[in-house]
N, C-alpha and C. Protein backbone atom coordinates (compact mmCIF):
# COMPACT_ATOMS: atom_id res chain seq x y z
N MET A 1 17.03 -10.28 2.75
CA MET A 1 15.90 -9.66 3.44
C MET A 1 14.99 -10.73 4.04
N LYS A 2 14.54 -10.47 5.27
CA LYS A 2 13.63 -11.41 5.91
C LYS A 2 12.30 -11.44 5.19
N PHE A 3 11.85 -10.26 4.74
CA PHE A 3 10.59 -10.17 4.00
C PHE A 3 10.84 -9.52 2.64
N GLU A 4 10.01 -9.87 1.67
CA GLU A 4 10.08 -9.26 0.35
C GLU A 4 8.92 -8.30 0.13
N VAL A 5 7.77 -8.61 0.72
CA VAL A 5 6.56 -7.81 0.53
C VAL A 5 5.95 -7.48 1.89
N PHE A 6 5.53 -6.22 2.02
CA PHE A 6 4.86 -5.77 3.25
C PHE A 6 3.43 -5.38 2.88
N LEU A 7 2.46 -6.03 3.51
CA LEU A 7 1.05 -5.69 3.30
C LEU A 7 0.57 -4.75 4.39
N SER A 8 0.05 -3.60 3.98
CA SER A 8 -0.52 -2.65 4.94
C SER A 8 -2.02 -2.57 4.66
N PHE A 9 -2.83 -2.72 5.70
CA PHE A 9 -4.28 -2.79 5.47
C PHE A 9 -5.01 -2.43 6.76
N ARG A 10 -6.27 -2.07 6.60
CA ARG A 10 -7.16 -1.83 7.75
C ARG A 10 -7.93 -3.11 8.00
N GLY A 11 -7.64 -3.73 9.14
CA GLY A 11 -8.21 -5.04 9.42
C GLY A 11 -9.72 -5.09 9.37
N LEU A 12 -10.38 -4.04 9.86
CA LEU A 12 -11.84 -4.02 9.86
C LEU A 12 -12.42 -4.15 8.46
N ASP A 13 -11.66 -3.71 7.46
CA ASP A 13 -12.18 -3.70 6.09
C ASP A 13 -11.80 -4.94 5.29
N THR A 14 -10.55 -5.42 5.45
CA THR A 14 -10.08 -6.45 4.50
C THR A 14 -9.36 -7.64 5.13
N ARG A 15 -9.14 -7.64 6.44
CA ARG A 15 -8.30 -8.69 7.04
C ARG A 15 -8.80 -10.10 6.70
N ASP A 16 -10.08 -10.35 6.91
CA ASP A 16 -10.61 -11.71 6.80
C ASP A 16 -11.08 -12.08 5.40
N ASN A 17 -10.92 -11.18 4.45
CA ASN A 17 -11.35 -11.53 3.10
C ASN A 17 -10.20 -11.33 2.10
N PHE A 18 -10.14 -10.16 1.51
CA PHE A 18 -9.18 -9.93 0.43
C PHE A 18 -7.73 -10.08 0.89
N THR A 19 -7.37 -9.42 1.99
CA THR A 19 -5.98 -9.46 2.44
C THR A 19 -5.55 -10.88 2.81
N SER A 20 -6.42 -11.62 3.46
CA SER A 20 -6.11 -13.00 3.83
C SER A 20 -5.86 -13.85 2.60
N CYS A 21 -6.71 -13.72 1.60
CA CYS A 21 -6.56 -14.50 0.36
C CYS A 21 -5.27 -14.12 -0.37
N LEU A 22 -4.99 -12.82 -0.44
CA LEU A 22 -3.77 -12.35 -1.11
C LEU A 22 -2.53 -12.87 -0.39
N TYR A 23 -2.53 -12.78 0.93
CA TYR A 23 -1.39 -13.24 1.72
C TYR A 23 -1.10 -14.72 1.47
N HIS A 24 -2.11 -15.54 1.58
CA HIS A 24 -1.90 -16.99 1.43
C HIS A 24 -1.49 -17.35 0.01
N ASP A 25 -2.02 -16.66 -0.98
CA ASP A 25 -1.64 -16.93 -2.36
C ASP A 25 -0.16 -16.60 -2.57
N MET A 26 0.29 -15.47 -2.02
CA MET A 26 1.69 -15.10 -2.15
C MET A 26 2.61 -16.10 -1.46
N VAL A 27 2.24 -16.50 -0.25
CA VAL A 27 3.06 -17.45 0.50
C VAL A 27 3.17 -18.77 -0.26
N GLU A 28 2.08 -19.21 -0.86
CA GLU A 28 2.10 -20.45 -1.63
C GLU A 28 3.03 -20.37 -2.83
N LYS A 29 3.23 -19.15 -3.34
CA LYS A 29 4.12 -18.96 -4.48
C LYS A 29 5.58 -18.75 -4.04
N GLY A 30 5.84 -18.86 -2.77
CA GLY A 30 7.20 -18.72 -2.27
C GLY A 30 7.63 -17.31 -1.96
N ILE A 31 6.68 -16.37 -1.92
CA ILE A 31 7.00 -14.97 -1.60
C ILE A 31 6.98 -14.79 -0.08
N ARG A 32 8.00 -14.13 0.43
CA ARG A 32 8.08 -13.87 1.88
C ARG A 32 7.30 -12.59 2.17
N VAL A 33 6.20 -12.73 2.87
CA VAL A 33 5.26 -11.62 3.07
C VAL A 33 5.10 -11.31 4.55
N PHE A 34 5.11 -10.02 4.89
CA PHE A 34 4.79 -9.60 6.24
C PHE A 34 3.35 -9.13 6.27
N LYS A 35 2.57 -9.72 7.16
CA LYS A 35 1.17 -9.32 7.36
C LYS A 35 0.93 -9.29 8.87
N ASP A 36 0.76 -8.11 9.41
CA ASP A 36 0.56 -7.97 10.84
C ASP A 36 -0.88 -8.31 11.20
N ASP A 37 -1.05 -9.27 12.08
CA ASP A 37 -2.40 -9.69 12.45
C ASP A 37 -2.94 -8.97 13.67
N LYS A 38 -2.18 -7.98 14.13
CA LYS A 38 -2.63 -7.23 15.30
C LYS A 38 -2.81 -5.76 14.92
N GLU A 39 -3.95 -5.20 15.30
CA GLU A 39 -4.15 -3.77 15.10
C GLU A 39 -3.59 -3.05 16.32
N LEU A 40 -2.78 -2.05 16.08
CA LEU A 40 -2.14 -1.33 17.18
C LEU A 40 -3.15 -0.45 17.91
N PRO A 41 -3.08 -0.43 19.23
CA PRO A 41 -3.97 0.47 19.99
C PRO A 41 -3.70 1.92 19.62
N ILE A 42 -4.71 2.73 19.72
CA ILE A 42 -4.55 4.16 19.42
C ILE A 42 -3.46 4.75 20.31
N GLY A 43 -2.57 5.48 19.68
CA GLY A 43 -1.48 6.09 20.42
C GLY A 43 -0.19 5.31 20.36
N GLN A 44 -0.27 3.99 20.09
CA GLN A 44 0.94 3.19 20.01
C GLN A 44 1.64 3.43 18.68
N LYS A 45 2.94 3.56 18.72
CA LYS A 45 3.70 3.88 17.52
C LYS A 45 4.13 2.62 16.78
N VAL A 46 4.39 2.79 15.49
CA VAL A 46 4.92 1.71 14.68
C VAL A 46 6.36 1.49 15.11
N GLU A 47 6.66 0.32 15.66
CA GLU A 47 8.01 0.09 16.15
C GLU A 47 8.30 -1.40 16.19
N GLY A 48 9.50 -1.74 16.65
CA GLY A 48 9.87 -3.13 16.84
C GLY A 48 9.84 -3.92 15.55
N GLU A 49 9.21 -5.09 15.61
CA GLU A 49 9.16 -6.01 14.48
C GLU A 49 8.50 -5.36 13.26
N LEU A 50 7.47 -4.56 13.52
CA LEU A 50 6.76 -3.90 12.43
C LEU A 50 7.67 -2.95 11.66
N LEU A 51 8.41 -2.15 12.41
CA LEU A 51 9.32 -1.20 11.79
C LEU A 51 10.44 -1.92 11.04
N GLN A 52 10.94 -2.99 11.64
CA GLN A 52 12.01 -3.77 10.99
C GLN A 52 11.51 -4.41 9.71
N ALA A 53 10.27 -4.90 9.72
CA ALA A 53 9.69 -5.51 8.52
C ALA A 53 9.55 -4.48 7.40
N LEU A 54 9.18 -3.26 7.77
CA LEU A 54 9.09 -2.18 6.78
C LEU A 54 10.46 -1.88 6.19
N ASP A 55 11.47 -1.82 7.04
CA ASP A 55 12.82 -1.54 6.57
C ASP A 55 13.34 -2.65 5.66
N ASP A 56 13.00 -3.88 5.98
CA ASP A 56 13.53 -5.03 5.24
C ASP A 56 12.86 -5.25 3.90
N SER A 57 11.59 -4.90 3.78
CA SER A 57 10.81 -5.27 2.60
C SER A 57 11.22 -4.49 1.36
N GLN A 58 11.02 -5.13 0.22
CA GLN A 58 11.36 -4.53 -1.06
C GLN A 58 10.14 -3.92 -1.75
N ILE A 59 8.99 -4.56 -1.59
CA ILE A 59 7.76 -4.09 -2.21
C ILE A 59 6.72 -3.84 -1.13
N TYR A 60 6.13 -2.65 -1.17
CA TYR A 60 5.08 -2.29 -0.21
C TYR A 60 3.73 -2.30 -0.93
N ILE A 61 2.76 -2.98 -0.33
CA ILE A 61 1.42 -3.01 -0.92
C ILE A 61 0.41 -2.51 0.11
N PRO A 62 0.14 -1.20 0.10
CA PRO A 62 -0.93 -0.69 0.96
C PRO A 62 -2.28 -0.98 0.31
N ILE A 63 -3.18 -1.55 1.06
CA ILE A 63 -4.51 -1.88 0.53
C ILE A 63 -5.46 -0.80 1.04
N PHE A 64 -5.67 0.21 0.21
CA PHE A 64 -6.48 1.36 0.63
C PHE A 64 -7.96 1.01 0.60
N SER A 65 -8.60 1.17 1.74
CA SER A 65 -10.03 0.90 1.88
C SER A 65 -10.68 2.13 2.53
N LYS A 66 -11.98 2.07 2.72
CA LYS A 66 -12.71 3.26 3.17
C LYS A 66 -12.25 3.76 4.54
N ARG A 67 -11.88 2.83 5.44
CA ARG A 67 -11.51 3.24 6.80
C ARG A 67 -9.99 3.22 7.02
N PHE A 68 -9.23 3.07 5.96
CA PHE A 68 -7.76 3.02 6.08
C PHE A 68 -7.22 4.27 6.75
N ALA A 69 -7.68 5.43 6.31
CA ALA A 69 -7.12 6.70 6.80
C ALA A 69 -7.60 7.07 8.20
N SER A 70 -8.48 6.28 8.77
CA SER A 70 -8.91 6.56 10.14
C SER A 70 -8.05 5.80 11.16
N ALA A 71 -7.09 5.01 10.66
CA ALA A 71 -6.21 4.26 11.54
C ALA A 71 -4.82 4.89 11.54
N PRO A 72 -4.38 5.49 12.63
CA PRO A 72 -3.08 6.16 12.64
C PRO A 72 -1.92 5.24 12.32
N TRP A 73 -2.00 3.96 12.74
CA TRP A 73 -0.88 3.06 12.46
C TRP A 73 -0.76 2.78 10.96
N CYS A 74 -1.90 2.74 10.25
CA CYS A 74 -1.85 2.56 8.80
C CYS A 74 -1.16 3.75 8.14
N LEU A 75 -1.49 4.93 8.61
CA LEU A 75 -0.89 6.15 8.06
C LEU A 75 0.60 6.21 8.38
N ARG A 76 0.98 5.76 9.57
CA ARG A 76 2.41 5.74 9.93
C ARG A 76 3.16 4.75 9.05
N GLU A 77 2.53 3.64 8.75
CA GLU A 77 3.17 2.66 7.85
C GLU A 77 3.40 3.28 6.48
N VAL A 78 2.39 3.95 5.95
CA VAL A 78 2.53 4.57 4.63
C VAL A 78 3.62 5.64 4.65
N ALA A 79 3.66 6.42 5.71
CA ALA A 79 4.69 7.45 5.81
C ALA A 79 6.08 6.83 5.81
N HIS A 80 6.23 5.71 6.51
CA HIS A 80 7.53 5.03 6.55
C HIS A 80 7.86 4.42 5.18
N MET A 81 6.84 3.89 4.50
CA MET A 81 7.05 3.35 3.16
C MET A 81 7.61 4.42 2.21
N VAL A 82 6.96 5.58 2.24
CA VAL A 82 7.38 6.68 1.37
C VAL A 82 8.81 7.09 1.70
N ASN A 83 9.13 7.13 2.98
CA ASN A 83 10.47 7.50 3.40
C ASN A 83 11.51 6.47 2.93
N CYS A 84 11.18 5.20 3.08
CA CYS A 84 12.10 4.13 2.67
C CYS A 84 12.32 4.13 1.16
N THR A 85 11.25 4.28 0.40
CA THR A 85 11.40 4.25 -1.06
C THR A 85 12.18 5.45 -1.56
N SER A 86 12.02 6.59 -0.91
CA SER A 86 12.72 7.80 -1.36
C SER A 86 14.23 7.68 -1.17
N LYS A 87 14.66 6.82 -0.26
CA LYS A 87 16.09 6.65 0.03
C LYS A 87 16.68 5.39 -0.58
N SER A 88 15.90 4.67 -1.38
CA SER A 88 16.32 3.34 -1.83
C SER A 88 16.96 3.30 -3.21
N ASP A 89 17.06 4.44 -3.88
CA ASP A 89 17.61 4.47 -5.26
C ASP A 89 16.87 3.50 -6.18
N GLY A 90 15.56 3.45 -6.03
CA GLY A 90 14.73 2.63 -6.91
C GLY A 90 14.67 1.16 -6.54
N LYS A 91 15.28 0.77 -5.42
CA LYS A 91 15.29 -0.64 -5.03
C LYS A 91 14.01 -1.05 -4.31
N LYS A 92 13.28 -0.08 -3.81
CA LYS A 92 12.01 -0.35 -3.15
C LYS A 92 10.91 0.41 -3.88
N GLU A 93 9.69 -0.12 -3.83
CA GLU A 93 8.59 0.58 -4.48
C GLU A 93 7.27 0.30 -3.79
N ILE A 94 6.35 1.22 -4.00
CA ILE A 94 4.99 1.10 -3.46
C ILE A 94 4.04 0.75 -4.59
N LEU A 95 3.30 -0.34 -4.41
CA LEU A 95 2.31 -0.77 -5.40
C LEU A 95 0.95 -0.82 -4.69
N PRO A 96 0.18 0.25 -4.77
CA PRO A 96 -1.06 0.32 -4.00
C PRO A 96 -2.21 -0.48 -4.61
N VAL A 97 -3.09 -0.91 -3.74
CA VAL A 97 -4.35 -1.51 -4.16
C VAL A 97 -5.46 -0.57 -3.71
N PHE A 98 -6.28 -0.14 -4.65
CA PHE A 98 -7.42 0.72 -4.33
C PHE A 98 -8.64 -0.19 -4.21
N PHE A 99 -8.88 -0.63 -2.96
CA PHE A 99 -9.85 -1.69 -2.72
C PHE A 99 -11.28 -1.24 -2.95
N ASP A 100 -11.73 -0.27 -2.18
CA ASP A 100 -13.07 0.28 -2.39
C ASP A 100 -13.03 1.80 -2.32
N VAL A 101 -11.88 2.34 -2.74
CA VAL A 101 -11.70 3.80 -2.83
C VAL A 101 -11.06 4.10 -4.17
N LYS A 102 -11.00 5.39 -4.50
CA LYS A 102 -10.40 5.83 -5.75
C LYS A 102 -9.05 6.51 -5.46
N PRO A 103 -8.17 6.57 -6.45
CA PRO A 103 -6.89 7.28 -6.25
C PRO A 103 -7.08 8.71 -5.73
N ASP A 104 -8.13 9.39 -6.19
CA ASP A 104 -8.38 10.76 -5.72
C ASP A 104 -8.69 10.80 -4.22
N ASP A 105 -9.29 9.73 -3.69
CA ASP A 105 -9.54 9.68 -2.25
C ASP A 105 -8.22 9.65 -1.50
N VAL A 106 -7.30 8.82 -1.98
CA VAL A 106 -5.99 8.69 -1.33
C VAL A 106 -5.20 9.98 -1.44
N LYS A 107 -5.32 10.65 -2.57
CA LYS A 107 -4.60 11.91 -2.79
C LYS A 107 -5.25 13.10 -2.08
N LEU A 108 -6.29 12.81 -1.27
CA LEU A 108 -6.99 13.83 -0.48
C LEU A 108 -7.70 14.86 -1.36
N LYS A 109 -8.12 14.41 -2.53
CA LYS A 109 -8.86 15.30 -3.42
C LYS A 109 -10.37 15.19 -3.20
N THR A 110 -10.77 14.28 -2.33
CA THR A 110 -12.18 14.13 -1.96
C THR A 110 -12.29 14.22 -0.44
N GLU A 111 -13.49 14.17 0.06
CA GLU A 111 -13.71 14.34 1.51
C GLU A 111 -13.40 13.08 2.31
N LEU A 112 -13.39 11.91 1.69
CA LEU A 112 -13.30 10.65 2.42
C LEU A 112 -12.09 10.60 3.36
N TYR A 113 -10.89 10.69 2.82
CA TYR A 113 -9.69 10.63 3.66
C TYR A 113 -9.42 11.97 4.35
N ARG A 114 -9.83 13.06 3.72
CA ARG A 114 -9.65 14.38 4.35
C ARG A 114 -10.40 14.45 5.67
N ASP A 115 -11.63 13.94 5.68
CA ASP A 115 -12.44 13.96 6.90
C ASP A 115 -11.81 13.08 7.98
N ALA A 116 -11.27 11.91 7.57
CA ALA A 116 -10.64 11.00 8.53
C ALA A 116 -9.42 11.66 9.16
N LEU A 117 -8.62 12.35 8.37
CA LEU A 117 -7.43 13.03 8.89
C LEU A 117 -7.82 14.21 9.78
N SER A 118 -8.91 14.86 9.44
CA SER A 118 -9.39 15.96 10.26
C SER A 118 -9.78 15.47 11.66
N GLU A 119 -10.40 14.30 11.73
CA GLU A 119 -10.76 13.71 13.02
C GLU A 119 -9.51 13.34 13.81
N LEU A 120 -8.52 12.77 13.14
CA LEU A 120 -7.28 12.40 13.82
C LEU A 120 -6.53 13.63 14.32
N GLY A 121 -6.74 14.75 13.62
CA GLY A 121 -6.09 15.99 14.03
C GLY A 121 -6.52 16.46 15.41
N LYS A 122 -7.65 15.94 15.92
CA LYS A 122 -8.12 16.30 17.25
C LYS A 122 -7.34 15.55 18.35
N LYS A 123 -6.67 14.46 17.96
CA LYS A 123 -5.96 13.63 18.93
C LYS A 123 -4.45 13.67 18.75
N TYR A 124 -3.99 14.02 17.54
CA TYR A 124 -2.57 13.98 17.23
C TYR A 124 -2.07 15.36 16.84
N GLY A 125 -0.76 15.55 16.97
CA GLY A 125 -0.18 16.84 16.66
C GLY A 125 -0.30 17.20 15.19
N SER A 126 -0.34 18.48 14.91
CA SER A 126 -0.48 18.95 13.53
C SER A 126 0.70 18.52 12.67
N ASP A 127 1.90 18.45 13.26
CA ASP A 127 3.08 18.04 12.48
C ASP A 127 2.95 16.59 12.03
N GLU A 128 2.47 15.72 12.91
CA GLU A 128 2.33 14.31 12.54
C GLU A 128 1.24 14.14 11.49
N VAL A 129 0.11 14.80 11.67
CA VAL A 129 -0.96 14.71 10.68
C VAL A 129 -0.50 15.24 9.33
N LYS A 130 0.29 16.33 9.35
CA LYS A 130 0.82 16.88 8.10
C LYS A 130 1.74 15.87 7.42
N SER A 131 2.52 15.12 8.21
CA SER A 131 3.40 14.11 7.63
C SER A 131 2.60 13.00 6.96
N TRP A 132 1.43 12.67 7.53
CA TRP A 132 0.57 11.66 6.92
C TRP A 132 -0.04 12.19 5.61
N GLU A 133 -0.45 13.43 5.63
CA GLU A 133 -1.00 14.04 4.41
C GLU A 133 0.05 14.05 3.30
N ASP A 134 1.27 14.43 3.65
CA ASP A 134 2.34 14.48 2.65
C ASP A 134 2.64 13.09 2.09
N ALA A 135 2.61 12.09 2.97
CA ALA A 135 2.89 10.72 2.53
C ALA A 135 1.81 10.23 1.57
N LEU A 136 0.56 10.49 1.89
CA LEU A 136 -0.53 10.07 0.99
C LEU A 136 -0.41 10.75 -0.37
N ALA A 137 0.01 12.01 -0.36
CA ALA A 137 0.18 12.74 -1.62
C ALA A 137 1.29 12.14 -2.47
N GLU A 138 2.26 11.47 -1.81
CA GLU A 138 3.39 10.89 -2.52
C GLU A 138 3.13 9.47 -3.03
N VAL A 139 2.07 8.86 -2.56
CA VAL A 139 1.78 7.49 -2.99
C VAL A 139 1.52 7.47 -4.50
N PRO A 140 2.23 6.62 -5.23
CA PRO A 140 2.01 6.58 -6.68
C PRO A 140 0.64 6.02 -7.01
N THR A 141 -0.05 6.65 -7.93
CA THR A 141 -1.39 6.18 -8.31
C THR A 141 -1.44 5.70 -9.77
N LYS A 142 -0.32 5.80 -10.47
CA LYS A 142 -0.28 5.31 -11.86
C LYS A 142 0.17 3.85 -11.92
N VAL A 143 0.54 3.31 -10.77
CA VAL A 143 0.86 1.89 -10.67
C VAL A 143 -0.11 1.29 -9.67
N GLY A 144 -0.05 -0.01 -9.50
CA GLY A 144 -0.96 -0.65 -8.57
C GLY A 144 -2.22 -1.14 -9.26
N TRP A 145 -3.24 -1.39 -8.46
CA TRP A 145 -4.43 -2.04 -8.99
C TRP A 145 -5.71 -1.46 -8.38
N LYS A 146 -6.78 -1.55 -9.15
CA LYS A 146 -8.11 -1.17 -8.68
C LYS A 146 -9.00 -2.40 -8.67
N LEU A 147 -9.82 -2.50 -7.64
CA LEU A 147 -10.74 -3.63 -7.55
C LEU A 147 -11.89 -3.49 -8.53
N GLU A 148 -12.19 -2.29 -8.95
CA GLU A 148 -13.34 -2.01 -9.82
C GLU A 148 -13.38 -2.97 -11.01
N GLY A 149 -14.52 -3.64 -11.18
CA GLY A 149 -14.72 -4.49 -12.34
C GLY A 149 -14.02 -5.83 -12.26
N LYS A 150 -13.42 -6.14 -11.11
CA LYS A 150 -12.70 -7.41 -10.97
C LYS A 150 -13.19 -8.15 -9.72
N GLY A 151 -13.12 -9.46 -9.77
CA GLY A 151 -13.37 -10.27 -8.59
C GLY A 151 -12.08 -10.40 -7.80
N TYR A 152 -12.19 -10.86 -6.56
CA TYR A 152 -11.00 -11.03 -5.73
C TYR A 152 -9.97 -11.92 -6.41
N GLY A 153 -10.43 -13.05 -6.94
CA GLY A 153 -9.52 -14.02 -7.54
C GLY A 153 -8.73 -13.43 -8.70
N GLU A 154 -9.40 -12.71 -9.56
CA GLU A 154 -8.74 -12.11 -10.73
C GLU A 154 -7.71 -11.06 -10.29
N LEU A 155 -8.09 -10.22 -9.33
CA LEU A 155 -7.19 -9.17 -8.87
C LEU A 155 -5.97 -9.76 -8.17
N ILE A 156 -6.18 -10.76 -7.34
CA ILE A 156 -5.07 -11.40 -6.64
C ILE A 156 -4.10 -12.05 -7.61
N LYS A 157 -4.63 -12.67 -8.65
CA LYS A 157 -3.78 -13.29 -9.66
C LYS A 157 -2.90 -12.24 -10.34
N LEU A 158 -3.46 -11.08 -10.65
CA LEU A 158 -2.69 -10.00 -11.28
C LEU A 158 -1.60 -9.49 -10.35
N ILE A 159 -1.94 -9.32 -9.08
CA ILE A 159 -0.97 -8.80 -8.11
C ILE A 159 0.19 -9.78 -7.93
N VAL A 160 -0.13 -11.04 -7.71
CA VAL A 160 0.91 -12.04 -7.47
C VAL A 160 1.82 -12.18 -8.68
N ARG A 161 1.23 -12.16 -9.87
CA ARG A 161 2.04 -12.26 -11.08
C ARG A 161 3.01 -11.09 -11.19
N GLU A 162 2.53 -9.88 -10.92
CA GLU A 162 3.38 -8.70 -11.04
C GLU A 162 4.49 -8.71 -9.99
N VAL A 163 4.15 -9.12 -8.78
CA VAL A 163 5.15 -9.18 -7.72
C VAL A 163 6.23 -10.20 -8.06
N LEU A 164 5.84 -11.35 -8.57
CA LEU A 164 6.82 -12.37 -8.96
C LEU A 164 7.75 -11.86 -10.05
N LEU A 165 7.19 -11.12 -11.00
CA LEU A 165 8.01 -10.55 -12.07
C LEU A 165 9.02 -9.55 -11.52
N LYS A 166 8.58 -8.74 -10.57
CA LYS A 166 9.48 -7.73 -9.99
C LYS A 166 10.56 -8.36 -9.13
N LEU A 167 10.24 -9.48 -8.50
CA LEU A 167 11.21 -10.14 -7.65
C LEU A 167 12.12 -11.09 -8.44
N LYS A 168 11.76 -11.37 -9.67
CA LYS A 168 12.53 -12.31 -10.49
C LYS A 168 13.96 -11.81 -10.66
N GLY A 169 14.88 -12.70 -10.61
CA GLY A 169 16.27 -12.32 -10.77
C GLY A 169 16.95 -12.02 -9.46
N LYS A 170 16.16 -11.85 -8.38
CA LYS A 170 16.75 -11.64 -7.06
C LYS A 170 17.12 -13.00 -6.48
N ASN A 171 18.00 -12.98 -5.52
CA ASN A 171 18.36 -14.22 -4.85
C ASN A 171 17.24 -14.57 -3.88
N ARG A 172 16.35 -15.43 -4.31
CA ARG A 172 15.20 -15.79 -3.50
C ARG A 172 15.18 -17.27 -3.24
N HIS A 173 14.78 -17.64 -2.04
CA HIS A 173 14.66 -19.05 -1.69
C HIS A 173 13.24 -19.50 -2.01
N LEU A 174 13.14 -20.54 -2.83
CA LEU A 174 11.84 -21.10 -3.15
C LEU A 174 11.65 -22.42 -2.41
N PRO A 175 10.44 -22.69 -1.93
CA PRO A 175 10.18 -23.99 -1.32
C PRO A 175 10.49 -25.11 -2.32
N ASP A 176 10.81 -26.29 -1.79
CA ASP A 176 11.25 -27.40 -2.64
C ASP A 176 10.21 -27.80 -3.68
N HIS A 177 8.93 -27.58 -3.38
CA HIS A 177 7.90 -28.03 -4.30
C HIS A 177 7.59 -27.00 -5.38
N LEU A 178 8.30 -25.87 -5.38
CA LEU A 178 8.06 -24.84 -6.38
C LEU A 178 9.21 -24.76 -7.36
N VAL A 179 8.89 -24.30 -8.58
CA VAL A 179 9.91 -24.06 -9.60
C VAL A 179 9.75 -22.66 -10.12
N GLU A 180 10.82 -22.11 -10.72
CA GLU A 180 10.73 -20.79 -11.30
C GLU A 180 9.78 -20.82 -12.50
N THR A 181 9.23 -19.65 -12.85
CA THR A 181 8.29 -19.56 -13.96
C THR A 181 8.91 -20.06 -15.25
N ASP A 182 10.18 -19.67 -15.50
CA ASP A 182 10.85 -20.11 -16.73
C ASP A 182 10.98 -21.61 -16.76
N ASP A 183 11.29 -22.22 -15.61
CA ASP A 183 11.40 -23.67 -15.55
C ASP A 183 10.06 -24.31 -15.87
N LEU A 184 9.00 -23.74 -15.34
CA LEU A 184 7.67 -24.29 -15.57
C LEU A 184 7.32 -24.24 -17.05
N GLU A 185 7.65 -23.12 -17.71
CA GLU A 185 7.37 -23.00 -19.14
C GLU A 185 8.15 -24.04 -19.93
N ARG A 186 9.41 -24.27 -19.53
CA ARG A 186 10.23 -25.27 -20.20
C ARG A 186 9.66 -26.65 -20.01
N ILE A 187 9.19 -26.94 -18.78
CA ILE A 187 8.58 -28.24 -18.51
C ILE A 187 7.35 -28.45 -19.39
N GLU A 188 6.54 -27.39 -19.53
CA GLU A 188 5.34 -27.50 -20.36
C GLU A 188 5.70 -27.77 -21.82
N GLU A 189 6.77 -27.11 -22.29
CA GLU A 189 7.23 -27.33 -23.66
C GLU A 189 7.64 -28.78 -23.86
N LEU A 190 8.39 -29.32 -22.89
CA LEU A 190 8.84 -30.70 -22.99
C LEU A 190 7.67 -31.67 -22.95
N LEU A 191 6.70 -31.35 -22.12
CA LEU A 191 5.52 -32.21 -22.04
C LEU A 191 4.77 -32.21 -23.36
N ASP A 192 4.67 -31.04 -24.02
CA ASP A 192 4.02 -30.96 -25.32
C ASP A 192 4.77 -31.78 -26.35
N VAL A 193 6.10 -31.70 -26.34
CA VAL A 193 6.92 -32.45 -27.29
C VAL A 193 6.75 -33.94 -27.07
N ASP A 194 6.80 -34.35 -25.81
CA ASP A 194 6.66 -35.77 -25.50
C ASP A 194 5.31 -36.31 -25.92
N SER A 195 4.27 -35.50 -25.67
CA SER A 195 2.93 -35.96 -26.03
C SER A 195 2.78 -36.08 -27.53
N MET A 196 3.38 -35.15 -28.31
CA MET A 196 3.34 -35.21 -29.76
C MET A 196 4.09 -36.45 -30.26
N THR A 197 5.25 -36.75 -29.64
CA THR A 197 6.03 -37.91 -30.06
C THR A 197 5.27 -39.20 -29.84
N MET A 198 4.60 -39.26 -28.69
CA MET A 198 3.82 -40.45 -28.39
C MET A 198 2.69 -40.60 -29.38
N TYR A 199 2.06 -39.49 -29.75
CA TYR A 199 0.92 -39.55 -30.67
C TYR A 199 1.37 -40.03 -32.04
N VAL A 200 2.51 -39.48 -32.51
CA VAL A 200 3.02 -39.84 -33.84
C VAL A 200 3.41 -41.31 -33.87
N SER A 201 4.04 -41.80 -32.76
CA SER A 201 4.49 -43.18 -32.75
C SER A 201 3.32 -44.16 -32.77
N LEU A 202 2.18 -43.69 -32.20
CA LEU A 202 0.99 -44.54 -32.23
C LEU A 202 0.42 -44.62 -33.65
């Protein structure tokens, strides 16, 4: 796969802060991440490289924020994620981040996303809006992460650790300066042994 993780986000809310930090942290750990730096114009469909990246990725991380549901391309991405995971026999999964919203907002149990979809319904067909509603209802809310009570750094550390665990065992290319977690633990053990030996010999 060209990409392992696909980040879906509303740029106005998180591009220059949380999403940017998460992306760079993942890349530094050797994770192949797709992060689209262009917001699609209204009416433009998810296609080309974006669609291919969705098809290729193994883990989808939608970063749900207050204005996420007001962007049709974000909703199209989520709909495609749900479609891909449903056909993957468990090989793909969605791990949502609830940035400044609650799971109930995403599940359309509150007015926040419902109102956004109602506005989009004035510009888009009822069938497409219904597909977005169905996709949001399918997003798992018992997995993933909430920002509540955590700083960016702490939350990003949790996300990256979980993603690495899920990708472990796959045939992944790591940059030359990185080692697998198990190797790192072994190195630390050896360093502890060496330091103890030196201390005793002194």
